[in-house]
C-alpha cells in the first residue's frame, strides 16, 4: 500500500497581488512559515521521499519539508501548474481582458479545441494526470510527499475519482468548487492492485493562524 501526501505550495507572491507570474513566483514570508509548520506536521510521520514540481514556489516549499526529514527533493515535471499563454504572465488575473482570455481557453476545453499559443489543452491535462498516476504506481517508496499546485492537484483528484466519466465541463466545475489552502494536505492511497483511494482532503489544521 502506498501513502501519498499531496501538498499545495506555501503562499506565493501571486497569491497576494494576483499577478500571474508563472514558474518564477517566490514564497512570501508567510509562505515560508506555512512550509515550516507543514514540516513540523510531518515530524513524526513516515516520509520516504519528497517530490516537487519544477516551479520555484513548489520547490522551495518541498525543500523546507525535505530538509526537516533529512531527504533530497526529486522533480516530477508533469505536476506543474496549468500552462497559460505568455501574454497573461505578469498580468492581473482580475483584469477583464485577462479574465476573458482564460475564459475563452476554458470554453475551448469544453468545445474540444486545441491550442498552439503556449496554452495547455484539456487533453494535455488528462495526459499529465495519467502520467503522474503511473509515476506514483512505479515509485519504489511507500510513503511519498508531493508538492504541487492548486489547479493541477484539484484536476488530478477529480480525474482519479471520475475516470472515463470525466468531461472538460465536469473537471472545470469541480476545480472551481473545490477549495485548497496553501500547504493544505491531501492524503491518497494506492493499493497493491493499483486502486486509488482519497483518504483526506485539504487538511490544513497545522496552519492555525497562518491560514
C-alpha atoms as a PDB file:
ATOM      1  CA  UNK A   1       0.000   0.000   0.000  1.00  0.00           C
ATOM      2  CA  UNK A   2       1.363   3.405  -0.993  1.00  0.00           C
ATOM      3  CA  UNK A   3       0.550   6.504   1.008  1.00  0.00           C
ATOM      4  CA  UNK A   4       0.868   9.768  -0.909  1.00  0.00           C
ATOM      5  CA  UNK A   5       0.575  13.195   0.661  1.00  0.00           C
ATOM      6  CA  UNK A   6      -0.263  15.857  -1.919  1.00  0.00           C
ATOM      7  CA  UNK A   7       0.684  19.311  -0.622  1.00  0.00           C
ATOM      8  CA  UNK A   8      -0.054  22.660  -2.209  1.00  0.00           C
ATOM      9  CA  UNK A   9       2.909  25.053  -2.086  1.00  0.00           C
ATOM     10  CA  UNK A  10       3.058  27.796   0.540  1.00  0.00           C
ATOM     11  CA  UNK A  11       1.640  31.255  -0.056  1.00  0.00           C
ATOM     12  CA  UNK A  12       3.400  32.865  -3.017  1.00  0.00           C
ATOM     13  CA  UNK A  13       3.707  36.413  -4.318  1.00  0.00           C
ATOM     14  CA  UNK A  14       0.985  35.894  -6.900  1.00  0.00           C
ATOM     15  CA  UNK A  15      -1.397  34.638  -4.228  1.00  0.00           C
ATOM     16  CA  UNK A  16      -1.106  38.114  -2.659  1.00  0.00           C
ATOM     17  CA  UNK A  17      -1.065  40.582  -5.556  1.00  0.00           C
ATOM     18  CA  UNK A  18      -2.910  38.369  -8.082  1.00  0.00           C
ATOM     19  CA  UNK A  19      -0.271  38.806 -10.796  1.00  0.00           C
ATOM     20  CA  UNK A  20       0.186  35.681 -12.907  1.00  0.00           C
ATOM     21  CA  UNK A  21       3.945  35.145 -12.571  1.00  0.00           C
ATOM     22  CA  UNK A  22       4.210  31.630 -13.972  1.00  0.00           C
ATOM     23  CA  UNK A  23       7.024  29.364 -12.763  1.00  0.00           C
ATOM     24  CA  UNK A  24       9.136  32.027 -11.032  1.00  0.00           C
ATOM     25  CA  UNK A  25       6.848  33.268  -8.247  1.00  0.00           C
ATOM     26  CA  UNK A  26       8.572  33.250  -4.856  1.00  0.00           C
ATOM     27  CA  UNK A  27       7.154  32.257  -1.489  1.00  0.00           C
ATOM     28  CA  UNK A  28       6.140  35.140   0.738  1.00  0.00           C
ATOM     29  CA  UNK A  29       7.412  35.267   4.338  1.00  0.00           C
ATOM     30  CA  UNK A  30       4.040  33.796   5.335  1.00  0.00           C
ATOM     31  CA  UNK A  31       4.504  31.056   2.736  1.00  0.00           C
ATOM     32  CA  UNK A  32       7.863  30.157   4.266  1.00  0.00           C
ATOM     33  CA  UNK A  33       6.189  29.979   7.691  1.00  0.00           C
ATOM     34  CA  UNK A  34       3.463  27.748   6.267  1.00  0.00           C
ATOM     35  CA  UNK A  35       6.058  25.404   4.779  1.00  0.00           C
ATOM     36  CA  UNK A  36       7.896  25.322   8.119  1.00  0.00           C
ATOM     37  CA  UNK A  37       4.804  24.338  10.111  1.00  0.00           C
ATOM     38  CA  UNK A  38       3.977  21.761   7.447  1.00  0.00           C
ATOM     39  CA  UNK A  39       7.417  20.258   8.024  1.00  0.00           C
ATOM     40  CA  UNK A  40       6.621  20.153  11.741  1.00  0.00           C
ATOM     41  CA  UNK A  41       3.313  18.445  10.928  1.00  0.00           C
ATOM     42  CA  UNK A  42       5.273  15.568   9.380  1.00  0.00           C
ATOM     43  CA  UNK A  43       7.871  15.402  12.164  1.00  0.00           C
ATOM     44  CA  UNK A  44       6.511  12.080  13.462  1.00  0.00           C
ATOM     45  CA  UNK A  45       5.119  10.811  10.141  1.00  0.00           C
ATOM     46  CA  UNK A  46       6.987   8.449   7.863  1.00  0.00           C
ATOM     47  CA  UNK A  47       8.097  10.072   4.605  1.00  0.00           C
ATOM     48  CA  UNK A  48      10.409   8.096   2.309  1.00  0.00           C
ATOM     49  CA  UNK A  49      10.741  10.649  -0.479  1.00  0.00           C
ATOM     50  CA  UNK A  50       9.769  14.249  -1.245  1.00  0.00           C
ATOM     51  CA  UNK A  51       8.946  15.321  -4.790  1.00  0.00           C
ATOM     52  CA  UNK A  52       8.142  18.723  -6.266  1.00  0.00           C
ATOM     53  CA  UNK A  53       7.051  20.331  -9.480  1.00  0.00           C
ATOM     54  CA  UNK A  54       9.675  22.356 -11.345  1.00  0.00           C
ATOM     55  CA  UNK A  55       8.164  25.677 -10.226  1.00  0.00           C
ATOM     56  CA  UNK A  56      10.124  27.691  -7.690  1.00  0.00           C
ATOM     57  CA  UNK A  57       7.364  28.131  -5.111  1.00  0.00           C
ATOM     58  CA  UNK A  58       6.779  24.383  -5.012  1.00  0.00           C
ATOM     59  CA  UNK A  59      10.484  23.543  -4.919  1.00  0.00           C
ATOM     60  CA  UNK A  60      11.122  25.938  -2.036  1.00  0.00           C
ATOM     61  CA  UNK A  61       8.184  24.505  -0.079  1.00  0.00           C
ATOM     62  CA  UNK A  62       9.364  20.952  -0.737  1.00  0.00           C
ATOM     63  CA  UNK A  63      12.941  21.777   0.266  1.00  0.00           C
ATOM     64  CA  UNK A  64      11.871  23.079   3.671  1.00  0.00           C
ATOM     65  CA  UNK A  65       9.917  19.878   4.320  1.00  0.00           C
ATOM     66  CA  UNK A  66      12.640  17.616   2.927  1.00  0.00           C
ATOM     67  CA  UNK A  67      15.366  19.316   4.995  1.00  0.00           C
ATOM     68  CA  UNK A  68      13.411  18.596   8.165  1.00  0.00           C
ATOM     69  CA  UNK A  69      13.380  14.880   7.255  1.00  0.00           C
ATOM     70  CA  UNK A  70      16.964  14.711   6.006  1.00  0.00           C
ATOM     71  CA  UNK A  71      15.757  13.918   2.478  1.00  0.00           C
ATOM     72  CA  UNK A  72      16.517  15.137  -1.024  1.00  0.00           C
ATOM     73  CA  UNK A  73      13.860  16.620  -3.300  1.00  0.00           C
ATOM     74  CA  UNK A  74      13.100  14.862  -6.556  1.00  0.00           C
ATOM     75  CA  UNK A  75      11.424  16.602  -9.503  1.00  0.00           C
ATOM     76  CA  UNK A  76       8.249  15.485 -11.235  1.00  0.00           C
ATOM     77  CA  UNK A  77       7.993  17.602 -14.396  1.00  0.00           C
ATOM     78  CA  UNK A  78       4.368  16.654 -15.101  1.00  0.00           C
ATOM     79  CA  UNK A  79       2.879  18.186 -11.935  1.00  0.00           C
ATOM     80  CA  UNK A  80       3.394  21.882 -12.688  1.00  0.00           C
ATOM     81  CA  UNK A  81       0.501  24.318 -12.678  1.00  0.00           C
ATOM     82  CA  UNK A  82      -1.606  24.568 -15.824  1.00  0.00           C
ATOM     83  CA  UNK A  83       0.113  26.393 -18.671  1.00  0.00           C
ATOM     84  CA  UNK A  84      -1.418  29.667 -19.828  1.00  0.00           C
ATOM     85  CA  UNK A  85      -0.187  31.829 -22.735  1.00  0.00           C
ATOM     86  CA  UNK A  86       2.765  34.165 -22.280  1.00  0.00           C
ATOM     87  CA  UNK A  87       0.559  37.220 -22.806  1.00  0.00           C
ATOM     88  CA  UNK A  88      -1.112  36.709 -19.423  1.00  0.00           C
ATOM     89  CA  UNK A  89       2.153  36.349 -17.469  1.00  0.00           C
ATOM     90  CA  UNK A  90       2.789  39.382 -15.281  1.00  0.00           C
ATOM     91  CA  UNK A  91      -0.825  40.497 -15.673  1.00  0.00           C
ATOM     92  CA  UNK A  92      -3.500  40.935 -13.008  1.00  0.00           C
ATOM     93  CA  UNK A  93      -5.743  37.866 -13.008  1.00  0.00           C
ATOM     94  CA  UNK A  94      -8.724  40.134 -12.215  1.00  0.00           C
ATOM     95  CA  UNK A  95      -8.175  42.360 -15.247  1.00  0.00           C
ATOM     96  CA  UNK A  96     -11.191  41.990 -17.543  1.00  0.00           C
ATOM     97  CA  UNK A  97      -9.090  41.268 -20.641  1.00  0.00           C
ATOM     98  CA  UNK A  98      -7.029  38.633 -18.824  1.00  0.00           C
ATOM     99  CA  UNK A  99     -10.171  37.015 -17.416  1.00  0.00           C
ATOM    100  CA  UNK A 100     -11.620  36.911 -20.936  1.00  0.00           C
ATOM    101  CA  UNK A 101      -8.501  35.158 -22.286  1.00  0.00           C
ATOM    102  CA  UNK A 102      -8.684  32.483 -19.581  1.00  0.00           C
ATOM    103  CA  UNK A 103     -12.430  32.085 -20.004  1.00  0.00           C
ATOM    104  CA  UNK A 104     -12.014  31.552 -23.750  1.00  0.00           C
ATOM    105  CA  UNK A 105      -9.354  28.908 -23.078  1.00  0.00           C
ATOM    106  CA  UNK A 106     -11.722  27.089 -20.735  1.00  0.00           C
ATOM    107  CA  UNK A 107     -14.542  27.344 -23.262  1.00  0.00           C
ATOM    108  CA  UNK A 108     -12.132  25.750 -25.702  1.00  0.00           C
ATOM    109  CA  UNK A 109     -11.669  22.842 -23.304  1.00  0.00           C
ATOM    110  CA  UNK A 110     -15.409  22.255 -23.245  1.00  0.00           C
ATOM    111  CA  UNK A 111     -15.693  22.617 -27.011  1.00  0.00           C
ATOM    112  CA  UNK A 112     -12.742  20.325 -27.679  1.00  0.00           C
ATOM    113  CA  UNK A 113     -10.462  22.950 -29.224  1.00  0.00           C
ATOM    114  CA  UNK A 114      -6.682  22.542 -29.146  1.00  0.00           C
ATOM    115  CA  UNK A 115      -4.212  25.424 -28.895  1.00  0.00           C
ATOM    116  CA  UNK A 116      -0.809  26.355 -30.272  1.00  0.00           C
ATOM    117  CA  UNK A 117      -0.419  29.580 -28.267  1.00  0.00           C
ATOM    118  CA  UNK A 118       1.706  28.036 -25.496  1.00  0.00           C
ATOM    119  CA  UNK A 119      -1.596  27.098 -23.899  1.00  0.00           C
ATOM    120  CA  UNK A 120      -2.464  23.786 -22.313  1.00  0.00           C
ATOM    121  CA  UNK A 121      -5.477  21.878 -23.577  1.00  0.00           C
ATOM    122  CA  UNK A 122      -7.819  19.610 -21.668  1.00  0.00           C
ATOM    123  CA  UNK A 123      -6.162  16.635 -23.388  1.00  0.00           C
ATOM    124  CA  UNK A 124      -2.783  17.840 -22.142  1.00  0.00           C
ATOM    125  CA  UNK A 125      -4.071  17.979 -18.581  1.00  0.00           C
ATOM    126  CA  UNK A 126      -5.535  14.495 -18.837  1.00  0.00           C
ATOM    127  CA  UNK A 127      -2.222  13.124 -20.074  1.00  0.00           C
ATOM    128  CA  UNK A 128      -0.277  14.807 -17.285  1.00  0.00           C
ATOM    129  CA  UNK A 129      -2.664  13.365 -14.712  1.00  0.00           C
ATOM    130  CA  UNK A 130      -2.333   9.879 -16.184  1.00  0.00           C
ATOM    131  CA  UNK A 131       1.452  10.212 -16.322  1.00  0.00           C
ATOM    132  CA  UNK A 132       1.542  11.336 -12.686  1.00  0.00           C
ATOM    133  CA  UNK A 133      -0.561   8.430 -11.506  1.00  0.00           C
ATOM    134  CA  UNK A 134       1.575   5.957 -13.458  1.00  0.00           C
ATOM    135  CA  UNK A 135       4.715   7.502 -11.964  1.00  0.00           C
ATOM    136  CA  UNK A 136       3.291   7.114  -8.447  1.00  0.00           C
ATOM    137  CA  UNK A 137       2.464   3.458  -9.092  1.00  0.00           C
ATOM    138  CA  UNK A 138       6.015   2.782 -10.301  1.00  0.00           C
ATOM    139  CA  UNK A 139       7.785   4.540  -7.419  1.00  0.00           C
ATOM    140  CA  UNK A 140       9.574   2.143  -5.056  1.00  0.00           C
ATOM    141  CA  UNK A 141       8.827   4.255  -1.987  1.00  0.00           C
ATOM    142  CA  UNK A 142       5.753   3.584   0.134  1.00  0.00           C
ATOM    143  CA  UNK A 143       5.324   6.972   1.828  1.00  0.00           C
ATOM    144  CA  UNK A 144       5.634   9.827  -0.626  1.00  0.00           C
ATOM    145  CA  UNK A 145       5.116  13.570  -0.215  1.00  0.00           C
ATOM    146  CA  UNK A 146       4.490  15.628  -3.344  1.00  0.00           C
ATOM    147  CA  UNK A 147       4.363  19.437  -3.529  1.00  0.00           C
ATOM    148  CA  UNK A 148       2.380  20.842  -6.420  1.00  0.00           C
ATOM    149  CA  UNK A 149      -0.266  23.476  -7.246  1.00  0.00           C
ATOM    150  CA  UNK A 150      -3.925  24.093  -6.528  1.00  0.00           C
ATOM    151  CA  UNK A 151      -5.445  23.950 -10.017  1.00  0.00           C
ATOM    152  CA  UNK A 152      -3.392  20.927 -11.035  1.00  0.00           C
ATOM    153  CA  UNK A 153      -4.000  18.967  -7.823  1.00  0.00           C
ATOM    154  CA  UNK A 154      -7.739  19.619  -7.920  1.00  0.00           C
ATOM    155  CA  UNK A 155      -7.838  18.494 -11.537  1.00  0.00           C
ATOM    156  CA  UNK A 156      -5.807  15.378 -10.734  1.00  0.00           C
ATOM    157  CA  UNK A 157      -8.057  14.341  -7.840  1.00  0.00           C
ATOM    158  CA  UNK A 158     -11.163  14.900  -9.971  1.00  0.00           C
ATOM    159  CA  UNK A 159      -9.621  12.841 -12.769  1.00  0.00           C
ATOM    160  CA  UNK A 160      -8.808   9.988 -10.391  1.00  0.00           C
ATOM    161  CA  UNK A 161     -12.296   9.980  -8.864  1.00  0.00           C
ATOM    162  CA  UNK A 162     -14.234  10.221 -12.140  1.00  0.00           C
ATOM    163  CA  UNK A 163     -12.058   8.280 -14.570  1.00  0.00           C
ATOM    164  CA  UNK A 164     -13.571   7.884 -18.038  1.00  0.00           C
ATOM    165  CA  UNK A 165     -16.771   9.587 -16.879  1.00  0.00           C
ATOM    166  CA  UNK A 166     -14.921  12.902 -16.531  1.00  0.00           C
ATOM    167  CA  UNK A 167     -15.661  15.657 -19.042  1.00  0.00           C
ATOM    168  CA  UNK A 168     -13.974  19.006 -19.510  1.00  0.00           C
ATOM    169  CA  UNK A 169     -17.054  20.770 -18.184  1.00  0.00           C
ATOM    170  CA  UNK A 170     -17.180  18.463 -15.175  1.00  0.00           C
ATOM    171  CA  UNK A 171     -13.473  18.945 -14.486  1.00  0.00           C
ATOM    172  CA  UNK A 172     -13.725  22.736 -14.555  1.00  0.00           C
ATOM    173  CA  UNK A 173     -16.884  22.701 -12.434  1.00  0.00           C
ATOM    174  CA  UNK A 174     -15.110  20.558  -9.844  1.00  0.00           C
ATOM    175  CA  UNK A 175     -11.903  22.601  -9.831  1.00  0.00           C
ATOM    176  CA  UNK A 176     -13.770  25.844  -9.211  1.00  0.00           C
ATOM    177  CA  UNK A 177     -15.907  24.247  -6.487  1.00  0.00           C
ATOM    178  CA  UNK A 178     -13.001  22.786  -4.501  1.00  0.00           C
ATOM    179  CA  UNK A 179     -11.007  24.840  -2.000  1.00  0.00           C
ATOM    180  CA  UNK A 180      -7.343  24.115  -1.317  1.00  0.00           C
ATOM    181  CA  UNK A 181      -5.327  26.022   1.283  1.00  0.00           C
ATOM    182  CA  UNK A 182      -1.692  26.917   0.818  1.00  0.00           C
ATOM    183  CA  UNK A 183       0.127  23.840   2.229  1.00  0.00           C
ATOM    184  CA  UNK A 184      -3.196  22.027   2.586  1.00  0.00           C
ATOM    185  CA  UNK A 185      -2.534  18.270   2.705  1.00  0.00           C
ATOM    186  CA  UNK A 186      -4.498  15.713   0.711  1.00  0.00           C
ATOM    187  CA  UNK A 187      -3.867  12.060   1.577  1.00  0.00           C
ATOM    188  CA  UNK A 188      -4.402   9.383  -1.053  1.00  0.00           C
ATOM    189  CA  UNK A 189      -3.503   5.718  -1.116  1.00  0.00           C
ATOM    190  CA  UNK A 190      -2.833   3.257  -3.916  1.00  0.00           C
ATOM    191  CA  UNK A 191      -3.238  -0.406  -3.063  1.00  0.00           C
ATOM    192  CA  UNK A 192      -1.248  -3.304  -4.472  1.00  0.00           C
ATOM    193  CA  UNK A 193      -3.740  -3.666  -7.330  1.00  0.00           C
ATOM    194  CA  UNK A 194      -3.351  -0.035  -8.338  1.00  0.00           C
ATOM    195  CA  UNK A 195      -6.666   1.040  -6.811  1.00  0.00           C
ATOM    196  CA  UNK A 196      -6.867   4.714  -5.866  1.00  0.00           C
ATOM    197  CA  UNK A 197      -8.485   5.949  -2.640  1.00  0.00           C
ATOM    198  CA  UNK A 198      -8.998   9.504  -1.434  1.00  0.00           C
ATOM    199  CA  UNK A 199      -8.443   9.339   2.321  1.00  0.00           C
ATOM    200  CA  UNK A 200      -8.372  13.005   3.312  1.00  0.00           C
ATOM    201  CA  UNK A 201      -8.847  16.319   1.500  1.00  0.00           C
ATOM    202  CA  UNK A 202      -7.104  19.640   2.262  1.00  0.00           C
ATOM    203  CA  UNK A 203      -6.069  19.037   5.862  1.00  0.00           C
ATOM    204  CA  UNK A 204      -4.920  22.490   6.992  1.00  0.00           C
ATOM    205  CA  UNK A 205      -5.256  22.145  10.774  1.00  0.00           C
ATOM    206  CA  UNK A 206      -1.478  22.528  11.122  1.00  0.00           C
ATOM    207  CA  UNK A 207      -1.685  26.122   9.870  1.00  0.00           C
ATOM    208  CA  UNK A 208      -3.588  27.615  12.806  1.00  0.00           C
ATOM    209  CA  UNK A 209      -3.496  31.385  12.397  1.00  0.00           C
ATOM    210  CA  UNK A 210      -1.416  31.026   9.204  1.00  0.00           C
ATOM    211  CA  UNK A 211      -4.496  30.037   7.172  1.00  0.00           C
END
